Amino acid sequence: VSLCSAVESPDSDEFDPVFANFCFYKDTSVFIGSDSGFVLTYYEM
């Protein structure tokens, strides 16, 4: 398992529990159906 950042203690001022940033975009997909839907995926780890 490769973790790019060292694990910080929860007491650290730099501790952040968020692992990745996600956003929604509009898309038409066979997994949604015929209507235009939304996909949630990550843009930044």
All heavy atoms as atom14 arrays in JSON, in Angstrom:
{
  "sequence": "VSLCSAVESPDSDEFDPVFANFCFYKDTSVFIGSDSGFVLTYYEM",
  "atom14_mask": [
    [1, 1, 1, 1, 1, 1, 1, 0, 0, 0, 0, 0, 0, 0],
    [1, 1, 1, 1, 1, 1, 0, 0, 0, 0, 0, 0, 0, 0],
    [1, 1, 1, 1, 1, 1, 1, 1, 0, 0, 0, 0, 0, 0],
    [1, 1, 1, 1, 1, 1, 0, 0, 0, 0, 0, 0, 0, 0],
    [1, 1, 1, 1, 1, 1, 0, 0, 0, 0, 0, 0, 0, 0],
    [1, 1, 1, 1, 1, 0, 0, 0, 0, 0, 0, 0, 0, 0],
    [1, 1, 1, 1, 1, 1, 1, 0, 0, 0, 0, 0, 0, 0],
    [1, 1, 1, 1, 1, 1, 1, 1, 1, 0, 0, 0, 0, 0],
    [1, 1, 1, 1, 1, 1, 0, 0, 0, 0, 0, 0, 0, 0],
    [1, 1, 1, 1, 1, 1, 1, 0, 0, 0, 0, 0, 0, 0],
    [1, 1, 1, 1, 1, 1, 1, 1, 0, 0, 0, 0, 0, 0],
    [1, 1, 1, 1, 1, 1, 0, 0, 0, 0, 0, 0, 0, 0],
    [1, 1, 1, 1, 1, 1, 1, 1, 0, 0, 0, 0, 0, 0],
    [1, 1, 1, 1, 1, 1, 1, 1, 1, 0, 0, 0, 0, 0],
    [1, 1, 1, 1, 1, 1, 1, 1, 1, 1, 1, 0, 0, 0],
    [1, 1, 1, 1, 1, 1, 1, 1, 0, 0, 0, 0, 0, 0],
    [1, 1, 1, 1, 1, 1, 1, 0, 0, 0, 0, 0, 0, 0],
    [1, 1, 1, 1, 1, 1, 1, 0, 0, 0, 0, 0, 0, 0],
    [1, 1, 1, 1, 1, 1, 1, 1, 1, 1, 1, 0, 0, 0],
    [1, 1, 1, 1, 1, 0, 0, 0, 0, 0, 0, 0, 0, 0],
    [1, 1, 1, 1, 1, 1, 1, 1, 0, 0, 0, 0, 0, 0],
    [1, 1, 1, 1, 1, 1, 1, 1, 1, 1, 1, 0, 0, 0],
    [1, 1, 1, 1, 1, 1, 0, 0, 0, 0, 0, 0, 0, 0],
    [1, 1, 1, 1, 1, 1, 1, 1, 1, 1, 1, 0, 0, 0],
    [1, 1, 1, 1, 1, 1, 1, 1, 1, 1, 1, 1, 0, 0],
    [1, 1, 1, 1, 1, 1, 1, 1, 1, 0, 0, 0, 0, 0],
    [1, 1, 1, 1, 1, 1, 1, 1, 0, 0, 0, 0, 0, 0],
    [1, 1, 1, 1, 1, 1, 1, 0, 0, 0, 0, 0, 0, 0],
    [1, 1, 1, 1, 1, 1, 0, 0, 0, 0, 0, 0, 0, 0],
    [1, 1, 1, 1, 1, 1, 1, 0, 0, 0, 0, 0, 0, 0],
    [1, 1, 1, 1, 1, 1, 1, 1, 1, 1, 1, 0, 0, 0],
    [1, 1, 1, 1, 1, 1, 1, 1, 0, 0, 0, 0, 0, 0],
    [1, 1, 1, 1, 0, 0, 0, 0, 0, 0, 0, 0, 0, 0],
    [1, 1, 1, 1, 1, 1, 0, 0, 0, 0, 0, 0, 0, 0],
    [1, 1, 1, 1, 1, 1, 1, 1, 0, 0, 0, 0, 0, 0],
    [1, 1, 1, 1, 1, 1, 0, 0, 0, 0, 0, 0, 0, 0],
    [1, 1, 1, 1, 0, 0, 0, 0, 0, 0, 0, 0, 0, 0],
    [1, 1, 1, 1, 1, 1, 1, 1, 1, 1, 1, 0, 0, 0],
    [1, 1, 1, 1, 1, 1, 1, 0, 0, 0, 0, 0, 0, 0],
    [1, 1, 1, 1, 1, 1, 1, 1, 0, 0, 0, 0, 0, 0],
    [1, 1, 1, 1, 1, 1, 1, 0, 0, 0, 0, 0, 0, 0],
    [1, 1, 1, 1, 1, 1, 1, 1, 1, 1, 1, 1, 0, 0],
    [1, 1, 1, 1, 1, 1, 1, 1, 1, 1, 1, 1, 0, 0],
    [1, 1, 1, 1, 1, 1, 1, 1, 1, 0, 0, 0, 0, 0],
    [1, 1, 1, 1, 1, 1, 1, 1, 0, 0, 0, 0, 0, 0]
  ],
  "atom14_positions": [
    [[0.85, -1.18, 0.0], [0.0, 0.0, 0.0], [0.89, 1.23, 0.0], [1.76, 1.36, 0.83], [-0.92, 0.02, 1.24], [-1.76, 1.28, 1.25], [-1.82, -1.21, 1.25], [0.0, 0.0, 0.0], [0.0, 0.0, 0.0], [0.0, 0.0, 0.0], [0.0, 0.0, 0.0], [0.0, 0.0, 0.0], [0.0, 0.0, 0.0], [0.0, 0.0, 0.0]],
    [[0.63, 2.11, -0.97], [1.44, 3.31, -1.11], [0.64, 4.51, -0.65], [-0.36, 4.85, -1.25], [1.84, 3.48, -2.58], [2.42, 4.74, -2.77], [0.0, 0.0, 0.0], [0.0, 0.0, 0.0], [0.0, 0.0, 0.0], [0.0, 0.0, 0.0], [0.0, 0.0, 0.0], [0.0, 0.0, 0.0], [0.0, 0.0, 0.0], [0.0, 0.0, 0.0]],
    [[1.06, 5.11, 0.42], [0.43, 6.35, 0.89], [1.41, 7.48, 0.64], [2.52, 7.48, 1.15], [0.11, 6.25, 2.39], [-1.03, 5.28, 2.75], [-1.13, 5.14, 4.25], [-2.34, 5.78, 2.18], [0.0, 0.0, 0.0], [0.0, 0.0, 0.0], [0.0, 0.0, 0.0], [0.0, 0.0, 0.0], [0.0, 0.0, 0.0], [0.0, 0.0, 0.0]],
    [[0.99, 8.43, -0.18], [1.9, 9.49, -0.61], [2.24, 10.44, 0.54], [3.3, 11.04, 0.54], [1.29, 10.25, -1.78], [1.18, 9.25, -3.27], [0.0, 0.0, 0.0], [0.0, 0.0, 0.0], [0.0, 0.0, 0.0], [0.0, 0.0, 0.0], [0.0, 0.0, 0.0], [0.0, 0.0, 0.0], [0.0, 0.0, 0.0], [0.0, 0.0, 0.0]],
    [[1.31, 10.62, 1.47], [1.56, 11.54, 2.57], [1.7, 10.77, 3.86], [1.03, 9.76, 4.06], [0.41, 12.55, 2.71], [0.25, 13.28, 1.51], [0.0, 0.0, 0.0], [0.0, 0.0, 0.0], [0.0, 0.0, 0.0], [0.0, 0.0, 0.0], [0.0, 0.0, 0.0], [0.0, 0.0, 0.0], [0.0, 0.0, 0.0], [0.0, 0.0, 0.0]],
    [[2.56, 11.22, 4.74], [2.68, 10.58, 6.04], [1.4, 10.8, 6.82], [0.74, 11.82, 6.7], [3.86, 11.19, 6.8], [0.0, 0.0, 0.0], [0.0, 0.0, 0.0], [0.0, 0.0, 0.0], [0.0, 0.0, 0.0], [0.0, 0.0, 0.0], [0.0, 0.0, 0.0], [0.0, 0.0, 0.0], [0.0, 0.0, 0.0], [0.0, 0.0, 0.0]],
    [[1.03, 9.82, 7.67], [-0.19, 9.93, 8.46], [0.06, 10.9, 9.6], [1.0, 10.76, 10.37], [-0.59, 8.55, 9.02], [-1.82, 8.68, 9.9], [-0.85, 7.59, 7.87], [0.0, 0.0, 0.0], [0.0, 0.0, 0.0], [0.0, 0.0, 0.0], [0.0, 0.0, 0.0], [0.0, 0.0, 0.0], [0.0, 0.0, 0.0], [0.0, 0.0, 0.0]],
    [[-0.8, 11.89, 9.71], [-0.66, 12.9, 10.76], [-1.48, 12.51, 11.99], [-2.51, 11.87, 11.9], [-1.19, 14.25, 10.24], [-0.4, 14.81, 9.07], [0.9, 15.43, 9.5], [1.1, 15.6, 10.71], [1.72, 15.74, 8.63], [0.0, 0.0, 0.0], [0.0, 0.0, 0.0], [0.0, 0.0, 0.0], [0.0, 0.0, 0.0], [0.0, 0.0, 0.0]],
    [[-1.02, 12.89, 13.14], [-1.79, 12.7, 14.36], [-2.98, 13.64, 14.35], [-2.91, 14.77, 13.88], [-0.9, 13.01, 15.57], [-1.7, 13.19, 16.73], [0.0, 0.0, 0.0], [0.0, 0.0, 0.0], [0.0, 0.0, 0.0], [0.0, 0.0, 0.0], [0.0, 0.0, 0.0], [0.0, 0.0, 0.0], [0.0, 0.0, 0.0], [0.0, 0.0, 0.0]],
    [[-4.16, 13.18, 14.88], [-5.32, 14.06, 14.95], [-5.07, 15.34, 15.72], [-5.8, 16.32, 15.57], [-6.38, 13.18, 15.65], [-5.96, 11.78, 15.34], [-4.45, 11.82, 15.31], [0.0, 0.0, 0.0], [0.0, 0.0, 0.0], [0.0, 0.0, 0.0], [0.0, 0.0, 0.0], [0.0, 0.0, 0.0], [0.0, 0.0, 0.0], [0.0, 0.0, 0.0]],
    [[-4.04, 15.35, 16.58], [-3.73, 16.56, 17.35], [-2.92, 17.56, 16.53], [-2.74, 18.71, 16.94], [-2.94, 16.19, 18.61], [-3.76, 15.33, 19.56], [-5.0, 15.5, 19.58], [-3.17, 14.51, 20.28], [0.0, 0.0, 0.0], [0.0, 0.0, 0.0], [0.0, 0.0, 0.0], [0.0, 0.0, 0.0], [0.0, 0.0, 0.0], [0.0, 0.0, 0.0]],
    [[-2.44, 17.16, 15.37], [-1.62, 18.03, 14.54], [-2.47, 19.14, 13.93], [-3.62, 18.94, 13.56], [-0.94, 17.24, 13.43], [-0.35, 18.11, 12.49], [0.0, 0.0, 0.0], [0.0, 0.0, 0.0], [0.0, 0.0, 0.0], [0.0, 0.0, 0.0], [0.0, 0.0, 0.0], [0.0, 0.0, 0.0], [0.0, 0.0, 0.0], [0.0, 0.0, 0.0]],
    [[-1.89, 20.35, 13.81], [-2.59, 21.46, 13.18], [-2.83, 21.19, 11.7], [-3.73, 21.77, 11.1], [-1.77, 22.76, 13.34], [-1.72, 23.22, 14.79], [-2.63, 22.84, 15.56], [-0.78, 23.96, 15.14], [0.0, 0.0, 0.0], [0.0, 0.0, 0.0], [0.0, 0.0, 0.0], [0.0, 0.0, 0.0], [0.0, 0.0, 0.0], [0.0, 0.0, 0.0]],
    [[-2.05, 20.3, 11.1], [-2.16, 20.01, 9.68], [-3.05, 18.79, 9.39], [-3.22, 18.41, 8.25], [-0.77, 19.78, 9.08], [0.13, 21.0, 9.15], [1.49, 20.74, 8.54], [1.65, 19.68, 7.92], [2.38, 21.58, 8.69], [0.0, 0.0, 0.0], [0.0, 0.0, 0.0], [0.0, 0.0, 0.0], [0.0, 0.0, 0.0], [0.0, 0.0, 0.0]],
    [[-3.6, 18.17, 10.44], [-4.43, 16.98, 10.23], [-5.7, 17.34, 9.47], [-6.39, 18.3, 9.79], [-4.8, 16.35, 11.58], [-5.71, 15.15, 11.44], [-5.21, 13.93, 11.02], [-7.06, 15.26, 11.71], [-6.04, 12.83, 10.88], [-7.9, 14.17, 11.57], [-7.39, 12.95, 11.16], [0.0, 0.0, 0.0], [0.0, 0.0, 0.0], [0.0, 0.0, 0.0]],
    [[-6.01, 16.56, 8.43], [-7.23, 16.75, 7.64], [-7.77, 15.38, 7.28], [-7.09, 14.6, 6.61], [-6.9, 17.54, 6.36], [-8.16, 17.92, 5.58], [-9.24, 17.38, 5.89], [-8.06, 18.74, 4.66], [0.0, 0.0, 0.0], [0.0, 0.0, 0.0], [0.0, 0.0, 0.0], [0.0, 0.0, 0.0], [0.0, 0.0, 0.0], [0.0, 0.0, 0.0]],
    [[-8.98, 15.04, 7.74], [-9.52, 13.7, 7.48], [-9.98, 13.5, 6.04], [-10.27, 12.37, 5.65], [-10.71, 13.63, 8.44], [-11.15, 15.05, 8.59], [-9.9, 15.86, 8.54], [0.0, 0.0, 0.0], [0.0, 0.0, 0.0], [0.0, 0.0, 0.0], [0.0, 0.0, 0.0], [0.0, 0.0, 0.0], [0.0, 0.0, 0.0], [0.0, 0.0, 0.0]],
    [[-10.06, 14.56, 5.25], [-10.55, 14.43, 3.87], [-9.48, 13.79, 3.0], [-8.34, 14.22, 2.97], [-10.96, 15.81, 3.3], [-11.34, 15.67, 1.82], [-12.13, 16.38, 4.09], [0.0, 0.0, 0.0], [0.0, 0.0, 0.0], [0.0, 0.0, 0.0], [0.0, 0.0, 0.0], [0.0, 0.0, 0.0], [0.0, 0.0, 0.0], [0.0, 0.0, 0.0]],
    [[-9.87, 12.73, 2.29], [-8.94, 11.95, 1.48], [-8.86, 12.43, 0.05], [-7.82, 12.36, -0.6], [-9.37, 10.48, 1.5], [-8.27, 9.5, 1.26], [-7.41, 9.14, 2.27], [-8.09, 8.92, 0.01], [-6.39, 8.22, 2.06], [-7.07, 8.01, -0.22], [-6.22, 7.67, 0.81], [0.0, 0.0, 0.0], [0.0, 0.0, 0.0], [0.0, 0.0, 0.0]],
    [[-10.0, 12.92, -0.5], [-10.04, 13.34, -1.9], [-11.17, 14.34, -2.11], [-12.13, 14.39, -1.34], [-10.25, 12.14, -2.82], [0.0, 0.0, 0.0], [0.0, 0.0, 0.0], [0.0, 0.0, 0.0], [0.0, 0.0, 0.0], [0.0, 0.0, 0.0], [0.0, 0.0, 0.0], [0.0, 0.0, 0.0], [0.0, 0.0, 0.0], [0.0, 0.0, 0.0]],
    [[-11.04, 15.14, -3.16], [-12.06, 16.12, -3.54], [-12.85, 15.61, -4.75], [-12.26, 15.22, -5.76], [-11.42, 17.46, -3.86], [-10.88, 18.15, -2.62], [-11.48, 18.11, -1.56], [-9.71, 18.77, -2.75], [0.0, 0.0, 0.0], [0.0, 0.0, 0.0], [0.0, 0.0, 0.0], [0.0, 0.0, 0.0], [0.0, 0.0, 0.0], [0.0, 0.0, 0.0]],
    [[-14.16, 15.62, -4.64], [-15.07, 15.15, -5.68], [-15.91, 16.31, -6.2], [-16.11, 17.31, -5.51], [-16.02, 14.08, -5.14], [-15.43, 12.7, -5.03], [-14.32, 12.46, -4.23], [-16.0, 11.63, -5.7], [-13.8, 11.17, -4.11], [-15.49, 10.34, -5.59], [-14.37, 10.12, -4.8], [0.0, 0.0, 0.0], [0.0, 0.0, 0.0], [0.0, 0.0, 0.0]],
    [[-16.44, 16.15, -7.41], [-17.41, 17.1, -7.94], [-18.37, 16.38, -8.88], [-18.11, 15.26, -9.31], [-16.72, 18.27, -8.66], [-15.73, 17.81, -10.1], [0.0, 0.0, 0.0], [0.0, 0.0, 0.0], [0.0, 0.0, 0.0], [0.0, 0.0, 0.0], [0.0, 0.0, 0.0], [0.0, 0.0, 0.0], [0.0, 0.0, 0.0], [0.0, 0.0, 0.0]],
    [[-19.49, 17.04, -9.19], [-20.49, 16.5, -10.1], [-20.33, 17.09, -11.5], [-20.02, 18.28, -11.63], [-21.91, 16.86, -9.63], [-22.4, 16.1, -8.44], [-22.31, 16.64, -7.16], [-22.99, 14.85, -8.59], [-22.79, 15.95, -6.06], [-23.48, 14.15, -7.5], [-23.38, 14.71, -6.22], [0.0, 0.0, 0.0], [0.0, 0.0, 0.0], [0.0, 0.0, 0.0]],
    [[-20.56, 16.29, -12.52], [-20.71, 16.82, -13.87], [-21.9, 16.15, -14.53], [-22.3, 15.04, -14.15], [-19.43, 16.64, -14.7], [-19.07, 15.22, -15.02], [-19.57, 14.58, -16.16], [-18.18, 14.51, -14.21], [-19.22, 13.28, -16.47], [-17.83, 13.21, -14.51], [-18.34, 12.59, -15.64], [-18.0, 11.3, -15.94], [0.0, 0.0, 0.0], [0.0, 0.0, 0.0]],
    [[-22.49, 16.83, -15.5], [-23.66, 16.29, -16.2], [-23.21, 15.33, -17.29], [-22.23, 15.57, -17.98], [-24.5, 17.42, -16.8], [-25.15, 18.33, -15.76], [-26.32, 19.11, -16.32], [-27.5, 18.19, -16.56], [-28.72, 18.95, -16.99], [0.0, 0.0, 0.0], [0.0, 0.0, 0.0], [0.0, 0.0, 0.0], [0.0, 0.0, 0.0], [0.0, 0.0, 0.0]],
    [[-23.97, 14.24, -17.42], [-23.58, 13.21, -18.38], [-24.79, 12.36, -18.74], [-25.73, 12.23, -17.95], [-22.49, 12.33, -17.78], [-21.91, 11.35, -18.78], [-21.77, 11.73, -19.96], [-21.6, 10.23, -18.38], [0.0, 0.0, 0.0], [0.0, 0.0, 0.0], [0.0, 0.0, 0.0], [0.0, 0.0, 0.0], [0.0, 0.0, 0.0], [0.0, 0.0, 0.0]],
    [[-24.79, 11.79, -19.93], [-25.8, 10.81, -20.32], [-25.11, 9.47, -20.34], [-24.13, 9.28, -21.04], [-26.37, 11.12, -21.72], [-26.97, 12.41, -21.68], [-27.42, 10.1, -22.1], [0.0, 0.0, 0.0], [0.0, 0.0, 0.0], [0.0, 0.0, 0.0], [0.0, 0.0, 0.0], [0.0, 0.0, 0.0], [0.0, 0.0, 0.0], [0.0, 0.0, 0.0]],
    [[-25.61, 8.53, -19.55], [-24.93, 7.25, -19.39], [-25.93, 6.11, -19.38], [-27.06, 6.26, -18.93], [-24.13, 7.26, -18.09], [-23.68, 5.96, -17.79], [0.0, 0.0, 0.0], [0.0, 0.0, 0.0], [0.0, 0.0, 0.0], [0.0, 0.0, 0.0], [0.0, 0.0, 0.0], [0.0, 0.0, 0.0], [0.0, 0.0, 0.0], [0.0, 0.0, 0.0]],
    [[-25.49, 4.96, -19.86], [-26.35, 3.77, -19.85], [-26.65, 3.33, -18.42], [-27.61, 2.6, -18.19], [-25.69, 2.6, -20.61], [-25.57, 2.92, -22.08], [-24.33, 2.24, -20.02], [0.0, 0.0, 0.0], [0.0, 0.0, 0.0], [0.0, 0.0, 0.0], [0.0, 0.0, 0.0], [0.0, 0.0, 0.0], [0.0, 0.0, 0.0], [0.0, 0.0, 0.0]],
    [[-25.83, 3.77, -17.45], [-26.05, 3.37, -16.07], [-27.07, 4.28, -15.38], [-27.51, 4.0, -14.28], [-24.73, 3.37, -15.29], [-23.71, 2.48, -15.91], [-22.58, 3.0, -16.51], [-23.9, 1.11, -15.93], [-21.65, 2.17, -17.1], [-22.98, 0.28, -16.51], [-21.84, 0.81, -17.11], [0.0, 0.0, 0.0], [0.0, 0.0, 0.0], [0.0, 0.0, 0.0]],
    [[-27.43, 5.36, -16.03], [-28.42, 6.28, -15.47], [-29.77, 6.09, -16.15], [-30.8, 6.06, -15.52], [-27.97, 7.75, -15.65], [-26.65, 7.98, -14.91], [-29.01, 8.71, -15.13], [-26.04, 9.32, -15.16], [0.0, 0.0, 0.0], [0.0, 0.0, 0.0], [0.0, 0.0, 0.0], [0.0, 0.0, 0.0], [0.0, 0.0, 0.0], [0.0, 0.0, 0.0]],
    [[-29.77, 5.92, -17.45], [-31.01, 5.82, -18.19], [-30.99, 6.81, -19.34], [-29.95, 7.31, -19.74], [0.0, 0.0, 0.0], [0.0, 0.0, 0.0], [0.0, 0.0, 0.0], [0.0, 0.0, 0.0], [0.0, 0.0, 0.0], [0.0, 0.0, 0.0], [0.0, 0.0, 0.0], [0.0, 0.0, 0.0], [0.0, 0.0, 0.0], [0.0, 0.0, 0.0]],
    [[-32.15, 7.11, -19.85], [-32.23, 7.98, -21.03], [-32.12, 9.46, -20.68], [-31.82, 10.27, -21.54], [-33.55, 7.72, -21.77], [-34.66, 7.95, -20.92], [0.0, 0.0, 0.0], [0.0, 0.0, 0.0], [0.0, 0.0, 0.0], [0.0, 0.0, 0.0], [0.0, 0.0, 0.0], [0.0, 0.0, 0.0], [0.0, 0.0, 0.0], [0.0, 0.0, 0.0]],
    [[-32.4, 9.82, -19.42], [-32.34, 11.24, -19.06], [-30.9, 11.66, -18.78], [-30.03, 10.84, -18.5], [-33.24, 11.56, -17.87], [-32.81, 10.84, -16.59], [-32.12, 9.81, -16.7], [-33.14, 11.32, -15.5], [0.0, 0.0, 0.0], [0.0, 0.0, 0.0], [0.0, 0.0, 0.0], [0.0, 0.0, 0.0], [0.0, 0.0, 0.0], [0.0, 0.0, 0.0]],
    [[-30.65, 12.94, -18.87], [-29.32, 13.47, -18.58], [-29.12, 13.46, -17.08], [-29.93, 14.01, -16.32], [-29.2, 14.91, -19.11], [-27.93, 15.43, -18.82], [0.0, 0.0, 0.0], [0.0, 0.0, 0.0], [0.0, 0.0, 0.0], [0.0, 0.0, 0.0], [0.0, 0.0, 0.0], [0.0, 0.0, 0.0], [0.0, 0.0, 0.0], [0.0, 0.0, 0.0]],
    [[-28.08, 12.77, -16.63], [-27.86, 12.62, -15.2], [-26.6, 13.3, -14.72], [-25.98, 14.1, -15.43], [0.0, 0.0, 0.0], [0.0, 0.0, 0.0], [0.0, 0.0, 0.0], [0.0, 0.0, 0.0], [0.0, 0.0, 0.0], [0.0, 0.0, 0.0], [0.0, 0.0, 0.0], [0.0, 0.0, 0.0], [0.0, 0.0, 0.0], [0.0, 0.0, 0.0]],
    [[-26.21, 12.98, -13.49], [-25.04, 13.57, -12.86], [-24.08, 12.46, -12.43], [-24.51, 11.41, -11.95], [-25.43, 14.39, -11.63], [-26.33, 15.54, -11.93], [-27.71, 15.38, -11.89], [-25.8, 16.78, -12.25], [-28.55, 16.45, -12.16], [-26.64, 17.86, -12.53], [-28.02, 17.68, -12.49], [0.0, 0.0, 0.0], [0.0, 0.0, 0.0], [0.0, 0.0, 0.0]],
    [[-22.8, 12.7, -12.63], [-21.76, 11.76, -12.21], [-20.91, 12.44, -11.15], [-20.45, 13.57, -11.33], [-20.88, 11.32, -13.4], [-19.81, 10.35, -12.92], [-21.73, 10.68, -14.49], [0.0, 0.0, 0.0], [0.0, 0.0, 0.0], [0.0, 0.0, 0.0], [0.0, 0.0, 0.0], [0.0, 0.0, 0.0], [0.0, 0.0, 0.0], [0.0, 0.0, 0.0]],
    [[-20.71, 11.73, -10.04], [-19.84, 12.21, -8.96], [-18.54, 11.43, -9.03], [-18.53, 10.2, -8.93], [-20.52, 12.0, -7.6], [-19.71, 12.4, -6.37], [-19.46, 13.91, -6.35], [-20.44, 11.96, -5.09], [0.0, 0.0, 0.0], [0.0, 0.0, 0.0], [0.0, 0.0, 0.0], [0.0, 0.0, 0.0], [0.0, 0.0, 0.0], [0.0, 0.0, 0.0]],
    [[-17.43, 12.14, -9.21], [-16.13, 11.48, -9.3], [-15.06, 12.4, -8.72], [-15.3, 13.6, -8.51], [-15.81, 11.11, -10.77], [-14.69, 10.23, -10.8], [-15.51, 12.35, -11.6], [0.0, 0.0, 0.0], [0.0, 0.0, 0.0], [0.0, 0.0, 0.0], [0.0, 0.0, 0.0], [0.0, 0.0, 0.0], [0.0, 0.0, 0.0], [0.0, 0.0, 0.0]],
    [[-13.88, 11.85, -8.48], [-12.85, 12.69, -7.87], [-12.05, 13.44, -8.94], [-11.83, 12.95, -10.04], [-11.92, 11.87, -6.97], [-10.71, 11.24, -7.63], [-9.53, 11.94, -7.78], [-10.75, 9.92, -8.07], [-8.41, 11.37, -8.37], [-9.63, 9.33, -8.66], [-8.47, 10.06, -8.81], [-7.38, 9.48, -9.39], [0.0, 0.0, 0.0], [0.0, 0.0, 0.0]],
    [[-11.65, 14.65, -8.59], [-10.77, 15.42, -9.47], [-9.41, 15.66, -8.82], [-8.45, 16.02, -9.5], [-11.41, 16.77, -9.85], [-11.66, 17.71, -8.69], [-10.7, 18.63, -8.27], [-12.88, 17.7, -8.02], [-10.94, 19.5, -7.21], [-13.13, 18.57, -6.97], [-12.17, 19.47, -6.57], [-12.41, 20.33, -5.52], [0.0, 0.0, 0.0], [0.0, 0.0, 0.0]],
    [[-9.31, 15.43, -7.5], [-8.04, 15.67, -6.81], [-7.91, 14.74, -5.62], [-8.83, 14.64, -4.8], [-7.97, 17.12, -6.34], [-6.7, 17.48, -5.61], [-6.72, 18.91, -5.07], [-7.8, 19.39, -4.69], [-5.65, 19.53, -5.05], [0.0, 0.0, 0.0], [0.0, 0.0, 0.0], [0.0, 0.0, 0.0], [0.0, 0.0, 0.0], [0.0, 0.0, 0.0]],
    [[-6.78, 14.06, -5.53], [-6.46, 13.23, -4.37], [-5.59, 14.03, -3.42], [-4.55, 14.54, -3.81], [-5.72, 11.97, -4.81], [-6.51, 11.05, -5.72], [-7.91, 10.26, -4.92], [-7.09, 9.16, -3.78], [0.0, 0.0, 0.0], [0.0, 0.0, 0.0], [0.0, 0.0, 0.0], [0.0, 0.0, 0.0], [0.0, 0.0, 0.0], [0.0, 0.0, 0.0]]
  ]
}
